[in-house]
Amino acid sequence: MAYIQTVGEKEAEGFLKQLYGTIIESRGKIAELHKIQSLHPKSIVSHMDLYMTLMFGKSPLTRAQREMIGVIVSSENGCRYCVAHHSASLSHYWKNKQVINQFIEDYTNVGLSHKDLYICQYALHLTRYPRDEYQKEWVEKLKEAGLSDREILDVNMVTSYFNFVNRIAAGLGVELEEDQGEGYKY
């Protein structure tokens, strides 16, 4: 159970009720992550705008690469909620839950491309050591692996987004939905 009060669909009024309706129409249902922000509905709008821009907006990164970053960062942070949601999303692209489970356990042994391997290594490094003096060297490694500056920016922003959202979910006790994060429209 969440550590703070939340407003459910049935109790929602005014702007929050409208917002929930819009989310249900576009995504199929309300995620617990949205409900945890229900006491500050405008934050849900800003959060969703950022999420849609980073995860679904135009990018040189594929959708699968962005979900891969979400899974690896969330796994490192121990955010069961985000791992479940984004491994379900990743399965739409990889189509192999066994490989996704192996990826979560040890991403180095699932046959990632050289580029994807570097993306994962950088995402983990940035998650573990955000103040590290080696960030510039990591950016150089990404360039050597063939990533453009725009790709590096997007990897950094998706990594940063998941560190942000993992702290909301874990820090406020967001529980995984009964359907384990499955069944959303993507």
Protein backbone atom coordinates (compact mmCIF):
# COMPACT_ATOMS: atom_id res chain seq x y z
CA MET A 1 0.00 0.00 0.00
CA ALA A 2 1.24 3.48 -0.85
CA TYR A 3 2.88 5.41 1.96
CA ILE A 4 0.78 8.51 1.27
CA GLN A 5 -2.89 9.14 0.52
CA THR A 6 -3.99 8.68 -3.08
CA VAL A 7 -7.21 9.49 -4.88
CA GLY A 8 -8.71 6.60 -6.83
CA GLU A 9 -10.81 6.78 -9.97
CA LYS A 10 -14.13 6.61 -8.08
CA GLU A 11 -13.19 9.37 -5.64
CA ALA A 12 -11.65 11.73 -8.23
CA GLU A 13 -13.36 15.07 -8.84
CA GLY A 14 -12.88 18.06 -11.11
CA PHE A 15 -9.60 18.28 -13.00
CA LEU A 16 -8.30 14.98 -11.60
CA LYS A 17 -11.44 13.15 -12.76
CA GLN A 18 -11.05 14.65 -16.25
CA LEU A 19 -7.38 13.72 -16.27
CA TYR A 20 -8.09 10.15 -15.24
CA GLY A 21 -10.66 9.93 -18.04
CA THR A 22 -8.11 11.14 -20.59
CA ILE A 23 -5.52 8.65 -19.34
CA ILE A 24 -7.99 5.75 -19.47
CA GLU A 25 -8.98 6.73 -23.01
CA SER A 26 -5.38 6.88 -24.22
CA ARG A 27 -3.71 4.13 -22.14
CA GLY A 28 -6.58 1.83 -21.23
CA LYS A 29 -6.34 2.25 -17.46
CA ILE A 30 -4.84 4.26 -14.62
CA ALA A 31 -1.41 3.16 -13.41
CA GLU A 32 -0.58 3.22 -9.72
CA LEU A 33 2.22 5.64 -10.62
CA HIS A 34 -0.43 8.14 -11.72
CA LYS A 35 -2.46 7.61 -8.57
CA ILE A 36 0.54 8.32 -6.34
CA GLN A 37 0.62 11.83 -7.84
CA SER A 38 -3.14 12.34 -7.46
CA LEU A 39 -2.78 14.95 -4.70
CA HIS A 40 -0.92 17.10 -7.25
CA PRO A 41 -2.72 16.46 -10.57
CA LYS A 42 -0.70 19.00 -12.55
CA SER A 43 2.39 16.93 -11.77
CA ILE A 44 0.75 13.98 -13.54
CA VAL A 45 0.35 16.11 -16.68
CA SER A 46 3.97 17.32 -16.58
CA HIS A 47 5.21 13.81 -15.82
CA MET A 48 3.22 12.31 -18.71
CA ASP A 49 4.46 15.02 -21.10
CA LEU A 50 8.07 14.22 -20.20
CA TYR A 51 7.43 10.47 -20.44
CA MET A 52 5.75 10.75 -23.85
CA THR A 53 8.52 13.00 -25.19
CA LEU A 54 11.35 10.75 -24.02
CA MET A 55 9.78 7.35 -24.62
CA PHE A 56 7.56 7.93 -27.67
CA GLY A 57 8.88 11.14 -29.25
CA LYS A 58 11.11 11.34 -32.27
CA SER A 59 14.56 10.01 -31.40
CA PRO A 60 17.49 8.29 -33.06
CA LEU A 61 17.06 5.63 -30.34
CA THR A 62 14.59 2.87 -31.09
CA ARG A 63 11.64 2.31 -28.79
CA ALA A 64 13.23 -1.01 -27.78
CA GLN A 65 16.48 0.76 -26.81
CA ARG A 66 14.55 3.22 -24.65
CA GLU A 67 12.63 0.41 -22.92
CA MET A 68 15.91 -1.49 -22.49
CA ILE A 69 17.35 1.53 -20.65
CA GLY A 70 14.21 1.70 -18.50
CA VAL A 71 14.52 -1.95 -17.53
CA ILE A 72 18.24 -1.89 -16.76
CA VAL A 73 18.09 1.34 -14.72
CA SER A 74 14.99 0.22 -12.82
CA SER A 75 16.53 -3.16 -12.13
CA GLU A 76 19.70 -1.52 -10.78
CA ASN A 77 17.58 0.72 -8.55
CA GLY A 78 15.50 -2.21 -7.31
CA CYS A 79 12.27 -0.67 -8.60
CA ARG A 80 10.08 -3.73 -9.07
CA TYR A 81 7.20 -1.56 -10.30
CA CYS A 82 9.13 -0.04 -13.22
CA VAL A 83 10.92 -3.29 -14.07
CA ALA A 84 7.53 -5.01 -14.45
CA HIS A 85 6.01 -2.24 -16.55
CA HIS A 86 8.98 -1.71 -18.83
CA SER A 87 9.93 -5.35 -19.26
CA ALA A 88 6.29 -5.84 -20.40
CA SER A 89 6.84 -2.99 -22.88
CA LEU A 90 10.19 -4.42 -23.97
CA SER A 91 8.53 -7.77 -24.65
CA HIS A 92 6.47 -6.06 -27.38
CA TYR A 93 9.74 -5.53 -29.24
CA TRP A 94 11.95 -8.44 -28.22
CA LYS A 95 9.09 -10.96 -28.15
CA ASN A 96 10.99 -13.25 -25.78
CA LYS A 97 10.33 -13.05 -22.04
CA GLN A 98 13.10 -15.55 -21.31
CA VAL A 99 15.67 -13.26 -22.95
CA ILE A 100 14.25 -10.29 -21.05
CA ASN A 101 14.59 -12.19 -17.77
CA GLN A 102 18.18 -13.06 -18.69
CA PHE A 103 18.76 -9.40 -19.60
CA ILE A 104 17.61 -8.36 -16.12
CA GLU A 105 19.94 -10.91 -14.51
CA ASP A 106 22.99 -10.24 -16.72
CA TYR A 107 22.61 -7.95 -19.72
CA THR A 108 26.08 -8.89 -20.99
CA ASN A 109 25.02 -12.44 -21.92
CA VAL A 110 21.99 -11.90 -24.16
CA GLY A 111 23.72 -11.06 -27.43
CA LEU A 112 23.29 -7.29 -27.44
CA SER A 113 24.88 -5.34 -30.25
CA HIS A 114 28.10 -3.48 -29.45
CA LYS A 115 26.13 -0.23 -29.44
CA ASP A 116 23.37 -1.53 -27.14
CA LEU A 117 25.96 -2.97 -24.78
CA TYR A 118 27.58 0.46 -24.45
CA ILE A 119 24.17 2.09 -23.94
CA CYS A 120 23.49 -0.29 -21.04
CA GLN A 121 26.94 0.21 -19.54
CA TYR A 122 26.57 3.99 -19.66
CA ALA A 123 23.04 3.89 -18.20
CA LEU A 124 24.30 1.77 -15.31
CA HIS A 125 27.36 3.95 -14.77
CA LEU A 126 25.30 7.15 -14.72
CA THR A 127 22.82 5.53 -12.33
CA ARG A 128 25.50 4.31 -9.94
CA TYR A 129 27.85 7.30 -10.12
CA PRO A 130 26.00 10.48 -11.13
CA ARG A 131 28.78 12.73 -9.75
CA ASP A 132 31.59 10.63 -11.13
CA GLU A 133 34.53 12.44 -12.69
CA TYR A 134 34.57 9.86 -15.51
CA GLN A 135 31.34 11.03 -17.18
CA LYS A 136 33.29 12.80 -19.94
CA GLU A 137 35.23 9.60 -20.64
CA TRP A 138 31.96 7.64 -20.85
CA VAL A 139 30.61 10.09 -23.40
CA GLU A 140 33.80 9.59 -25.43
CA LYS A 141 33.33 5.79 -25.22
CA LEU A 142 29.78 6.19 -26.54
CA LYS A 143 31.06 8.27 -29.44
CA GLU A 144 33.68 5.61 -30.19
CA ALA A 145 30.89 3.01 -30.18
CA GLY A 146 29.19 5.02 -32.93
CA LEU A 147 26.58 7.01 -31.02
CA SER A 148 25.83 10.52 -32.23
CA ASP A 149 25.61 13.43 -29.81
CA ARG A 150 21.79 13.31 -30.12
CA GLU A 151 21.78 9.59 -29.27
CA ILE A 152 24.00 10.27 -26.26
CA LEU A 153 21.68 13.05 -25.11
CA ASP A 154 18.65 10.76 -25.43
CA VAL A 155 20.39 7.89 -23.58
CA ASN A 156 21.28 10.33 -20.80
CA MET A 157 17.77 11.79 -20.57
CA VAL A 158 16.02 8.38 -20.59
CA THR A 159 18.45 7.15 -17.93
CA SER A 160 17.83 10.28 -15.86
CA TYR A 161 14.05 9.96 -16.29
CA PHE A 162 14.06 6.41 -14.95
CA ASN A 163 16.21 7.39 -11.97
CA PHE A 164 13.61 10.09 -11.26
CA VAL A 165 10.56 7.85 -11.61
CA ASN A 166 12.17 4.94 -9.72
CA ARG A 167 12.53 7.23 -6.74
CA ILE A 168 8.87 8.24 -6.90
CA ALA A 169 7.73 4.61 -7.10
CA ALA A 170 10.11 3.17 -4.52
CA GLY A 171 10.15 6.19 -2.24
CA LEU A 172 6.36 6.38 -1.93
CA GLY A 173 5.55 2.67 -1.89
CA VAL A 174 3.86 2.40 -5.28
CA GLU A 175 2.57 -1.16 -5.57
CA LEU A 176 2.47 -3.13 -8.76
CA GLU A 177 -0.99 -3.53 -10.24
CA GLU A 178 -2.61 -6.97 -10.09
CA ASP A 179 -1.97 -7.45 -13.82
CA GLN A 180 1.79 -6.98 -13.18
CA GLY A 181 2.04 -4.00 -15.54
CA GLU A 182 0.52 -5.79 -18.54
CA GLY A 183 -2.37 -4.59 -20.67
CA TYR A 184 -1.57 -0.94 -21.29
CA LYS A 185 -1.90 0.57 -24.75
CA TYR A 186 1.51 1.42 -26.22
